[in-house]
């Protein structure tokens, strides 16, 4: 993927939708509820704005394949965290960033875009990548599998025709 700087932020969290709230969410004591988020901003100040939307599309697409994979009842189901694009309207140039709920725990990269595979202790990430190749009849593979345990983020999709996903 693209090189990014990651920042933590607190956002008003709506537990019913699993995303940032557009209205104030209050708990029983009438206090605002907040969730720690991760905001990812490109290190390239001239990055095309469309890249952020493509990243969200890829993560959503990967989530669909995770659902298909989990229908086979694997020993360890996988998932991709929900993400969205946030525009920082009060900053010069109104930059965009990719936002998702912060994943607590040991972050691991299991494979990447260039053939690296960390097979020291986990089979699930590689099984999922292979599943996407088979389930798509060889038309795509979801790789760059990374995250905490089997909750993943920021995948990349390679397609047979080279169209439709990222740069």
N, C-alpha and C. Protein backbone atom coordinates (compact mmCIF):
# COMPACT_ATOMS: atom_id res chain seq x y z
N UNK A 1 0.81 -1.20 0.00
CA UNK A 1 0.00 0.00 0.00
C UNK A 1 0.85 1.24 0.00
N UNK A 2 0.22 2.33 0.31
CA UNK A 2 0.89 3.61 0.33
C UNK A 2 1.51 3.84 1.70
N UNK A 3 2.61 4.59 1.73
CA UNK A 3 3.22 4.91 3.01
C UNK A 3 2.40 5.95 3.72
N UNK A 4 2.10 5.69 4.99
CA UNK A 4 1.25 6.59 5.76
C UNK A 4 1.80 6.80 7.15
N UNK A 5 1.37 7.88 7.74
CA UNK A 5 1.63 8.17 9.14
C UNK A 5 0.33 7.87 9.87
N UNK A 6 0.44 7.13 10.97
CA UNK A 6 -0.76 6.78 11.74
C UNK A 6 -0.81 7.61 13.02
N UNK A 7 -1.98 8.12 13.32
CA UNK A 7 -2.21 8.91 14.54
C UNK A 7 -3.37 8.29 15.29
N UNK A 8 -3.36 8.43 16.61
CA UNK A 8 -4.51 8.04 17.40
C UNK A 8 -5.38 9.26 17.60
N UNK A 9 -6.68 9.04 17.64
CA UNK A 9 -7.61 10.11 17.93
C UNK A 9 -8.77 9.56 18.72
N UNK A 10 -9.47 10.44 19.39
CA UNK A 10 -10.69 10.05 20.09
C UNK A 10 -11.86 10.56 19.28
N UNK A 11 -12.82 9.70 19.05
CA UNK A 11 -13.99 10.10 18.30
C UNK A 11 -15.25 9.69 19.01
N UNK A 12 -16.32 10.45 18.82
CA UNK A 12 -17.61 10.04 19.40
C UNK A 12 -18.05 8.74 18.75
N UNK A 13 -18.30 7.73 19.52
CA UNK A 13 -18.53 6.37 19.04
C UNK A 13 -19.97 5.97 19.24
N UNK A 14 -20.56 5.43 18.20
CA UNK A 14 -21.92 4.92 18.30
C UNK A 14 -21.86 3.39 18.28
N UNK A 15 -22.05 2.76 19.43
CA UNK A 15 -21.92 1.30 19.48
C UNK A 15 -22.99 0.57 18.67
N UNK A 16 -24.10 1.22 18.33
CA UNK A 16 -25.14 0.55 17.56
C UNK A 16 -24.75 0.39 16.09
N UNK A 17 -23.94 1.33 15.57
CA UNK A 17 -23.52 1.25 14.18
C UNK A 17 -22.08 0.79 14.04
N UNK A 18 -21.31 0.83 15.13
CA UNK A 18 -19.91 0.43 15.07
C UNK A 18 -19.04 1.43 14.35
N UNK A 19 -19.44 2.71 14.37
CA UNK A 19 -18.65 3.74 13.70
C UNK A 19 -18.79 5.07 14.43
N UNK A 20 -18.09 6.06 13.89
CA UNK A 20 -18.19 7.40 14.47
C UNK A 20 -19.62 7.88 14.41
N UNK A 21 -20.01 8.60 15.43
CA UNK A 21 -21.36 9.13 15.51
C UNK A 21 -21.40 10.53 14.91
N UNK A 22 -22.43 10.83 14.17
CA UNK A 22 -22.63 12.18 13.64
C UNK A 22 -23.38 13.05 14.65
N UNK A 23 -23.91 12.40 15.67
CA UNK A 23 -24.58 13.12 16.75
C UNK A 23 -23.92 12.72 18.06
N UNK A 24 -24.20 13.42 19.09
CA UNK A 24 -23.60 13.09 20.38
C UNK A 24 -24.25 11.83 20.94
N UNK A 25 -23.41 10.89 21.35
CA UNK A 25 -23.87 9.65 21.96
C UNK A 25 -23.59 9.76 23.45
N UNK A 26 -24.59 9.53 24.27
CA UNK A 26 -24.43 9.66 25.72
C UNK A 26 -24.67 8.33 26.40
N UNK A 27 -23.93 8.10 27.46
CA UNK A 27 -24.20 6.90 28.25
C UNK A 27 -25.18 7.26 29.36
N UNK A 28 -25.43 6.32 30.27
CA UNK A 28 -26.41 6.52 31.33
C UNK A 28 -26.13 7.73 32.21
N UNK A 29 -24.88 8.10 32.37
CA UNK A 29 -24.53 9.24 33.22
C UNK A 29 -24.51 10.53 32.39
N UNK A 30 -25.03 10.47 31.16
CA UNK A 30 -25.11 11.62 30.26
C UNK A 30 -23.72 12.14 29.88
N UNK A 31 -22.76 11.23 29.76
CA UNK A 31 -21.41 11.59 29.34
C UNK A 31 -21.21 11.14 27.90
N UNK A 32 -20.44 11.91 27.17
CA UNK A 32 -20.12 11.56 25.78
C UNK A 32 -19.28 10.28 25.77
N UNK A 33 -19.59 9.35 24.90
CA UNK A 33 -18.79 8.13 24.75
C UNK A 33 -17.77 8.36 23.64
N UNK A 34 -16.55 7.93 23.89
CA UNK A 34 -15.49 8.07 22.90
C UNK A 34 -14.81 6.73 22.68
N UNK A 35 -14.27 6.57 21.49
CA UNK A 35 -13.53 5.37 21.11
C UNK A 35 -12.18 5.82 20.57
N UNK A 36 -11.13 5.08 20.93
CA UNK A 36 -9.82 5.36 20.35
C UNK A 36 -9.82 4.88 18.91
N UNK A 37 -9.40 5.74 18.01
CA UNK A 37 -9.37 5.45 16.58
C UNK A 37 -7.93 5.56 16.08
N UNK A 38 -7.71 4.99 14.92
CA UNK A 38 -6.45 5.17 14.20
C UNK A 38 -6.77 5.94 12.93
N UNK A 39 -6.06 7.05 12.72
CA UNK A 39 -6.21 7.85 11.51
C UNK A 39 -4.92 7.71 10.71
N UNK A 40 -5.05 7.34 9.45
CA UNK A 40 -3.89 7.13 8.58
C UNK A 40 -3.88 8.21 7.50
N UNK A 41 -2.75 8.93 7.45
CA UNK A 41 -2.60 10.03 6.49
C UNK A 41 -1.35 9.76 5.65
N UNK A 42 -1.47 9.93 4.34
CA UNK A 42 -0.34 9.68 3.44
C UNK A 42 0.82 10.61 3.76
N UNK A 43 2.04 10.09 3.64
CA UNK A 43 3.21 10.95 3.82
C UNK A 43 3.45 11.81 2.59
N UNK A 44 2.81 11.45 1.48
CA UNK A 44 2.92 12.22 0.24
C UNK A 44 1.85 13.31 0.25
N UNK A 45 2.25 14.58 0.39
CA UNK A 45 1.24 15.64 0.46
C UNK A 45 0.45 15.81 -0.84
N UNK A 46 0.92 15.20 -1.93
CA UNK A 46 0.23 15.31 -3.22
C UNK A 46 -0.52 14.04 -3.59
N UNK A 47 -0.70 13.15 -2.62
CA UNK A 47 -1.43 11.90 -2.85
C UNK A 47 -2.84 12.22 -3.35
N UNK A 48 -3.28 11.50 -4.35
CA UNK A 48 -4.63 11.71 -4.87
C UNK A 48 -5.65 11.35 -3.81
N UNK A 49 -6.67 12.16 -3.71
CA UNK A 49 -7.72 11.94 -2.70
C UNK A 49 -8.45 10.62 -2.93
N UNK A 50 -8.52 10.19 -4.17
CA UNK A 50 -9.23 8.95 -4.49
C UNK A 50 -8.59 7.72 -3.85
N UNK A 51 -7.30 7.79 -3.52
CA UNK A 51 -6.60 6.66 -2.92
C UNK A 51 -7.25 6.27 -1.59
N UNK A 52 -7.69 7.25 -0.82
CA UNK A 52 -8.32 6.95 0.47
C UNK A 52 -9.61 6.16 0.28
N UNK A 53 -10.37 6.52 -0.74
CA UNK A 53 -11.62 5.82 -1.02
C UNK A 53 -11.34 4.42 -1.57
N UNK A 54 -10.28 4.29 -2.36
CA UNK A 54 -9.89 2.96 -2.86
C UNK A 54 -9.48 2.05 -1.71
N UNK A 55 -8.77 2.60 -0.73
CA UNK A 55 -8.38 1.80 0.43
C UNK A 55 -9.60 1.29 1.20
N UNK A 56 -10.59 2.16 1.38
CA UNK A 56 -11.83 1.75 2.06
C UNK A 56 -12.54 0.68 1.23
N UNK A 57 -12.56 0.85 -0.08
CA UNK A 57 -13.20 -0.13 -0.95
C UNK A 57 -12.50 -1.48 -0.83
N UNK A 58 -11.16 -1.48 -0.83
CA UNK A 58 -10.44 -2.75 -0.71
C UNK A 58 -10.72 -3.44 0.61
N UNK A 59 -10.74 -2.67 1.69
CA UNK A 59 -10.99 -3.27 2.99
C UNK A 59 -12.42 -3.83 3.07
N UNK A 60 -13.36 -3.12 2.47
CA UNK A 60 -14.75 -3.61 2.42
C UNK A 60 -14.86 -4.87 1.58
N UNK A 61 -14.18 -4.88 0.46
CA UNK A 61 -14.18 -6.04 -0.43
C UNK A 61 -13.57 -7.25 0.29
N UNK A 62 -12.46 -7.00 1.01
CA UNK A 62 -11.81 -8.07 1.77
C UNK A 62 -12.75 -8.61 2.85
N UNK A 63 -13.55 -7.72 3.43
CA UNK A 63 -14.51 -8.14 4.45
C UNK A 63 -15.54 -9.10 3.88
N UNK A 64 -15.96 -8.86 2.65
CA UNK A 64 -16.91 -9.77 1.99
C UNK A 64 -16.28 -11.16 1.83
N UNK A 65 -15.01 -11.20 1.42
CA UNK A 65 -14.33 -12.49 1.29
C UNK A 65 -14.13 -13.15 2.65
N UNK A 66 -13.89 -12.36 3.69
CA UNK A 66 -13.76 -12.92 5.04
C UNK A 66 -15.06 -13.59 5.45
N UNK A 67 -16.18 -12.96 5.13
CA UNK A 67 -17.49 -13.55 5.45
C UNK A 67 -17.66 -14.89 4.71
N UNK A 68 -17.28 -14.92 3.43
CA UNK A 68 -17.37 -16.17 2.65
C UNK A 68 -16.47 -17.24 3.25
N UNK A 69 -15.27 -16.86 3.63
CA UNK A 69 -14.31 -17.78 4.24
C UNK A 69 -14.88 -18.36 5.53
N UNK A 70 -15.45 -17.50 6.35
CA UNK A 70 -15.98 -17.92 7.65
C UNK A 70 -17.19 -18.84 7.52
N UNK A 71 -17.88 -18.79 6.38
CA UNK A 71 -19.02 -19.69 6.17
C UNK A 71 -18.59 -21.16 6.14
N UNK A 72 -17.30 -21.41 5.89
CA UNK A 72 -16.78 -22.77 5.87
C UNK A 72 -16.38 -23.24 7.27
N UNK A 73 -16.65 -22.42 8.28
CA UNK A 73 -16.38 -22.75 9.69
C UNK A 73 -14.92 -23.13 9.93
N UNK A 74 -13.98 -22.24 9.55
CA UNK A 74 -12.57 -22.55 9.82
C UNK A 74 -12.30 -22.55 11.33
N UNK A 75 -11.21 -23.18 11.76
CA UNK A 75 -10.90 -23.19 13.19
C UNK A 75 -10.75 -21.78 13.77
N UNK A 76 -10.26 -20.85 12.97
CA UNK A 76 -10.09 -19.47 13.42
C UNK A 76 -10.70 -18.54 12.37
N UNK A 77 -11.90 -18.02 12.62
CA UNK A 77 -12.51 -17.09 11.67
C UNK A 77 -11.70 -15.79 11.58
N UNK A 78 -11.82 -15.13 10.45
CA UNK A 78 -11.09 -13.88 10.21
C UNK A 78 -12.08 -12.74 10.02
N UNK A 79 -11.59 -11.53 10.15
CA UNK A 79 -12.42 -10.35 9.91
C UNK A 79 -11.55 -9.16 9.54
N UNK A 80 -12.17 -8.20 8.91
CA UNK A 80 -11.51 -6.93 8.59
C UNK A 80 -12.27 -5.84 9.30
N UNK A 81 -11.54 -4.96 9.93
CA UNK A 81 -12.15 -3.88 10.70
C UNK A 81 -12.81 -2.88 9.74
N UNK A 82 -13.94 -2.35 10.14
CA UNK A 82 -14.66 -1.36 9.34
C UNK A 82 -13.84 -0.07 9.29
N UNK A 83 -13.76 0.54 8.13
CA UNK A 83 -13.01 1.78 7.99
C UNK A 83 -13.80 2.78 7.14
N UNK A 84 -13.40 4.02 7.18
CA UNK A 84 -14.06 5.07 6.43
C UNK A 84 -13.08 6.20 6.20
N UNK A 85 -13.50 7.18 5.41
CA UNK A 85 -12.68 8.36 5.09
C UNK A 85 -13.20 9.54 5.89
N UNK A 86 -12.27 10.29 6.46
CA UNK A 86 -12.59 11.47 7.24
C UNK A 86 -11.90 12.67 6.60
N UNK A 87 -12.64 13.74 6.38
CA UNK A 87 -12.07 14.98 5.85
C UNK A 87 -11.84 15.93 7.02
N UNK A 88 -10.62 16.43 7.11
CA UNK A 88 -10.26 17.36 8.19
C UNK A 88 -10.55 18.78 7.70
N UNK A 89 -11.80 19.20 7.88
CA UNK A 89 -12.30 20.42 7.25
C UNK A 89 -11.69 21.70 7.81
N UNK A 90 -11.11 21.64 9.01
CA UNK A 90 -10.53 22.86 9.59
C UNK A 90 -9.04 22.97 9.34
N UNK A 91 -8.47 22.05 8.56
CA UNK A 91 -7.04 22.10 8.24
C UNK A 91 -6.86 22.65 6.84
N UNK A 92 -5.73 23.32 6.59
CA UNK A 92 -5.46 23.84 5.25
C UNK A 92 -5.50 22.73 4.21
N UNK A 93 -6.19 22.96 3.12
CA UNK A 93 -6.32 21.97 2.06
C UNK A 93 -7.33 20.88 2.33
N UNK A 94 -7.94 20.90 3.50
CA UNK A 94 -8.95 19.91 3.88
C UNK A 94 -8.49 18.49 3.59
N UNK A 95 -7.37 18.06 4.20
CA UNK A 95 -6.83 16.73 3.89
C UNK A 95 -7.79 15.62 4.33
N UNK A 96 -7.61 14.48 3.68
CA UNK A 96 -8.37 13.28 4.02
C UNK A 96 -7.49 12.34 4.82
N UNK A 97 -8.14 11.48 5.59
CA UNK A 97 -7.42 10.40 6.26
C UNK A 97 -8.34 9.19 6.33
N UNK A 98 -7.73 8.03 6.35
CA UNK A 98 -8.48 6.80 6.56
C UNK A 98 -8.60 6.57 8.06
N UNK A 99 -9.79 6.21 8.53
CA UNK A 99 -10.03 6.05 9.96
C UNK A 99 -10.65 4.69 10.22
N UNK A 100 -10.22 4.10 11.33
CA UNK A 100 -10.81 2.84 11.79
C UNK A 100 -10.64 2.77 13.30
N UNK A 101 -11.40 1.90 13.92
CA UNK A 101 -11.26 1.69 15.36
C UNK A 101 -9.87 1.14 15.63
N UNK A 102 -9.23 1.63 16.68
CA UNK A 102 -7.91 1.15 17.07
C UNK A 102 -8.00 -0.31 17.50
N UNK A 103 -7.09 -1.12 17.00
CA UNK A 103 -7.02 -2.53 17.35
C UNK A 103 -5.93 -2.69 18.41
N UNK A 104 -6.32 -3.10 19.60
CA UNK A 104 -5.38 -3.27 20.70
C UNK A 104 -4.74 -4.66 20.63
N UNK A 105 -3.46 -4.73 20.88
CA UNK A 105 -2.76 -6.02 20.90
C UNK A 105 -1.51 -5.97 20.05
N UNK A 106 -0.88 -7.14 19.88
CA UNK A 106 0.35 -7.22 19.10
C UNK A 106 0.02 -7.23 17.61
N UNK A 107 0.44 -6.18 16.93
CA UNK A 107 0.20 -6.03 15.50
C UNK A 107 1.24 -6.85 14.74
N UNK A 108 0.77 -7.68 13.79
CA UNK A 108 1.67 -8.52 13.01
C UNK A 108 1.36 -8.39 11.53
N UNK A 109 2.41 -8.44 10.71
CA UNK A 109 2.25 -8.52 9.26
C UNK A 109 2.50 -9.98 8.88
N UNK A 110 1.50 -10.62 8.26
CA UNK A 110 1.57 -12.04 7.96
C UNK A 110 2.04 -12.33 6.54
N UNK A 111 1.74 -11.45 5.62
CA UNK A 111 2.27 -11.55 4.25
C UNK A 111 2.21 -10.15 3.63
N UNK A 112 2.82 -9.98 2.46
CA UNK A 112 2.80 -8.66 1.84
C UNK A 112 2.55 -8.76 0.34
N UNK A 113 2.77 -7.66 -0.36
CA UNK A 113 2.53 -7.60 -1.81
C UNK A 113 3.61 -8.27 -2.64
N UNK A 114 4.75 -8.59 -2.04
CA UNK A 114 5.91 -8.99 -2.81
C UNK A 114 6.38 -10.40 -2.52
N UNK A 115 5.54 -11.23 -1.91
CA UNK A 115 5.88 -12.63 -1.70
C UNK A 115 6.33 -12.99 -0.30
N UNK A 116 6.52 -12.00 0.58
CA UNK A 116 6.88 -12.32 1.96
C UNK A 116 5.74 -13.06 2.63
N UNK A 117 6.06 -14.15 3.32
CA UNK A 117 5.09 -14.91 4.09
C UNK A 117 5.73 -15.22 5.45
N UNK A 118 5.08 -14.78 6.51
CA UNK A 118 5.53 -15.12 7.86
C UNK A 118 4.79 -16.37 8.28
N UNK A 119 5.45 -17.51 8.12
CA UNK A 119 4.80 -18.78 8.45
C UNK A 119 5.36 -19.38 9.73
N UNK A 120 5.91 -18.52 10.61
CA UNK A 120 6.55 -19.02 11.83
C UNK A 120 5.55 -19.60 12.82
N UNK A 121 4.32 -19.11 12.83
CA UNK A 121 3.38 -19.65 13.82
C UNK A 121 1.93 -19.67 13.37
N UNK A 122 1.59 -19.02 12.28
CA UNK A 122 0.18 -18.89 11.90
C UNK A 122 -0.08 -19.44 10.50
N UNK A 123 -1.13 -20.22 10.36
CA UNK A 123 -1.57 -20.70 9.05
C UNK A 123 -2.78 -19.94 8.55
N UNK A 124 -3.58 -19.40 9.46
CA UNK A 124 -4.85 -18.77 9.08
C UNK A 124 -4.68 -17.64 8.06
N UNK A 125 -3.76 -16.70 8.25
CA UNK A 125 -3.65 -15.61 7.26
C UNK A 125 -3.32 -16.12 5.85
N UNK A 126 -2.44 -17.12 5.78
CA UNK A 126 -2.06 -17.66 4.46
C UNK A 126 -3.24 -18.46 3.87
N UNK A 127 -3.96 -19.17 4.73
CA UNK A 127 -5.13 -19.92 4.26
C UNK A 127 -6.18 -18.96 3.70
N UNK A 128 -6.37 -17.82 4.38
CA UNK A 128 -7.34 -16.84 3.89
C UNK A 128 -6.91 -16.30 2.53
N UNK A 129 -5.64 -15.90 2.38
CA UNK A 129 -5.16 -15.39 1.09
C UNK A 129 -5.38 -16.43 -0.01
N UNK A 130 -5.03 -17.69 0.28
CA UNK A 130 -5.23 -18.75 -0.71
C UNK A 130 -6.72 -18.93 -1.03
N UNK A 131 -7.55 -18.86 0.00
CA UNK A 131 -9.00 -18.99 -0.21
C UNK A 131 -9.50 -17.93 -1.20
N UNK A 132 -9.02 -16.69 -1.07
CA UNK A 132 -9.50 -15.64 -1.97
C UNK A 132 -9.13 -15.93 -3.42
N UNK A 133 -7.97 -16.53 -3.63
CA UNK A 133 -7.56 -16.91 -4.99
C UNK A 133 -8.50 -17.98 -5.54
N UNK A 134 -8.79 -18.99 -4.72
CA UNK A 134 -9.66 -20.07 -5.16
C UNK A 134 -11.12 -19.60 -5.32
N UNK A 135 -11.62 -18.84 -4.35
CA UNK A 135 -13.02 -18.41 -4.38
C UNK A 135 -13.30 -17.44 -5.53
N UNK A 136 -12.26 -16.76 -6.00
CA UNK A 136 -12.44 -15.82 -7.12
C UNK A 136 -12.11 -16.47 -8.46
N UNK A 137 -11.94 -17.78 -8.47
CA UNK A 137 -11.57 -18.53 -9.68
C UNK A 137 -10.27 -18.00 -10.28
N UNK A 138 -9.35 -17.61 -9.42
CA UNK A 138 -8.04 -17.14 -9.87
C UNK A 138 -8.01 -15.71 -10.35
N UNK A 139 -9.10 -14.98 -10.15
CA UNK A 139 -9.16 -13.59 -10.64
C UNK A 139 -8.53 -12.58 -9.70
N UNK A 140 -8.39 -12.92 -8.41
CA UNK A 140 -7.75 -11.98 -7.48
C UNK A 140 -7.21 -12.74 -6.29
N UNK A 141 -6.33 -12.07 -5.57
CA UNK A 141 -5.83 -12.57 -4.30
C UNK A 141 -5.73 -11.40 -3.34
N UNK A 142 -6.20 -11.61 -2.13
CA UNK A 142 -6.10 -10.59 -1.09
C UNK A 142 -4.86 -10.91 -0.28
N UNK A 143 -3.96 -9.94 -0.23
CA UNK A 143 -2.69 -10.14 0.47
C UNK A 143 -2.39 -8.91 1.32
N UNK A 144 -1.17 -8.82 1.78
CA UNK A 144 -0.76 -7.79 2.72
C UNK A 144 -1.61 -7.91 3.98
N UNK A 145 -1.76 -9.17 4.41
CA UNK A 145 -2.59 -9.48 5.57
C UNK A 145 -1.83 -9.08 6.84
N UNK A 146 -2.47 -8.21 7.63
CA UNK A 146 -1.84 -7.68 8.83
C UNK A 146 -2.91 -7.27 9.82
N UNK A 147 -2.56 -7.32 11.08
CA UNK A 147 -3.50 -6.91 12.11
C UNK A 147 -3.17 -7.56 13.44
N UNK A 148 -4.17 -7.66 14.29
CA UNK A 148 -4.02 -8.25 15.61
C UNK A 148 -4.86 -9.53 15.64
N UNK A 149 -4.20 -10.64 15.95
CA UNK A 149 -4.84 -11.94 15.92
C UNK A 149 -5.43 -12.16 14.53
N UNK A 150 -6.71 -12.40 14.42
CA UNK A 150 -7.33 -12.59 13.10
C UNK A 150 -8.30 -11.47 12.75
N UNK A 151 -8.04 -10.28 13.30
CA UNK A 151 -8.76 -9.07 12.92
C UNK A 151 -7.78 -8.24 12.11
N UNK A 152 -8.06 -8.10 10.83
CA UNK A 152 -7.09 -7.53 9.89
C UNK A 152 -7.47 -6.12 9.45
N UNK A 153 -6.47 -5.45 8.88
CA UNK A 153 -6.64 -4.10 8.37
C UNK A 153 -5.72 -3.87 7.18
N UNK A 154 -6.07 -2.92 6.35
CA UNK A 154 -5.21 -2.41 5.29
C UNK A 154 -4.72 -3.48 4.31
N UNK A 155 -5.61 -4.33 3.78
CA UNK A 155 -5.18 -5.34 2.82
C UNK A 155 -4.92 -4.71 1.45
N UNK A 156 -4.29 -5.48 0.61
CA UNK A 156 -4.13 -5.12 -0.80
C UNK A 156 -4.75 -6.23 -1.62
N UNK A 157 -5.27 -5.87 -2.78
CA UNK A 157 -5.88 -6.86 -3.67
C UNK A 157 -5.16 -6.82 -5.00
N UNK A 158 -4.64 -7.96 -5.41
CA UNK A 158 -4.02 -8.10 -6.72
C UNK A 158 -5.03 -8.82 -7.61
N UNK A 159 -5.27 -8.26 -8.79
CA UNK A 159 -6.24 -8.87 -9.69
C UNK A 159 -5.54 -9.37 -10.95
N UNK A 160 -6.12 -10.39 -11.56
CA UNK A 160 -5.55 -10.99 -12.77
C UNK A 160 -5.43 -9.95 -13.88
N UNK A 161 -6.43 -9.10 -14.02
CA UNK A 161 -6.39 -8.09 -15.09
C UNK A 161 -5.68 -6.81 -14.68
N UNK A 162 -5.26 -6.71 -13.42
CA UNK A 162 -4.54 -5.52 -12.95
C UNK A 162 -5.41 -4.29 -12.83
N UNK A 163 -6.72 -4.45 -12.86
CA UNK A 163 -7.64 -3.31 -12.84
C UNK A 163 -8.44 -3.28 -11.55
N UNK A 164 -8.83 -2.08 -11.15
CA UNK A 164 -9.83 -1.94 -10.12
C UNK A 164 -9.38 -1.72 -8.69
N UNK A 165 -8.11 -1.98 -8.38
CA UNK A 165 -7.70 -1.87 -6.99
C UNK A 165 -6.39 -1.11 -6.88
N UNK A 166 -6.44 0.07 -6.30
CA UNK A 166 -5.23 0.83 -5.98
C UNK A 166 -4.41 1.26 -7.16
N UNK A 167 -3.13 1.53 -6.86
CA UNK A 167 -2.20 2.01 -7.90
C UNK A 167 -1.70 0.89 -8.76
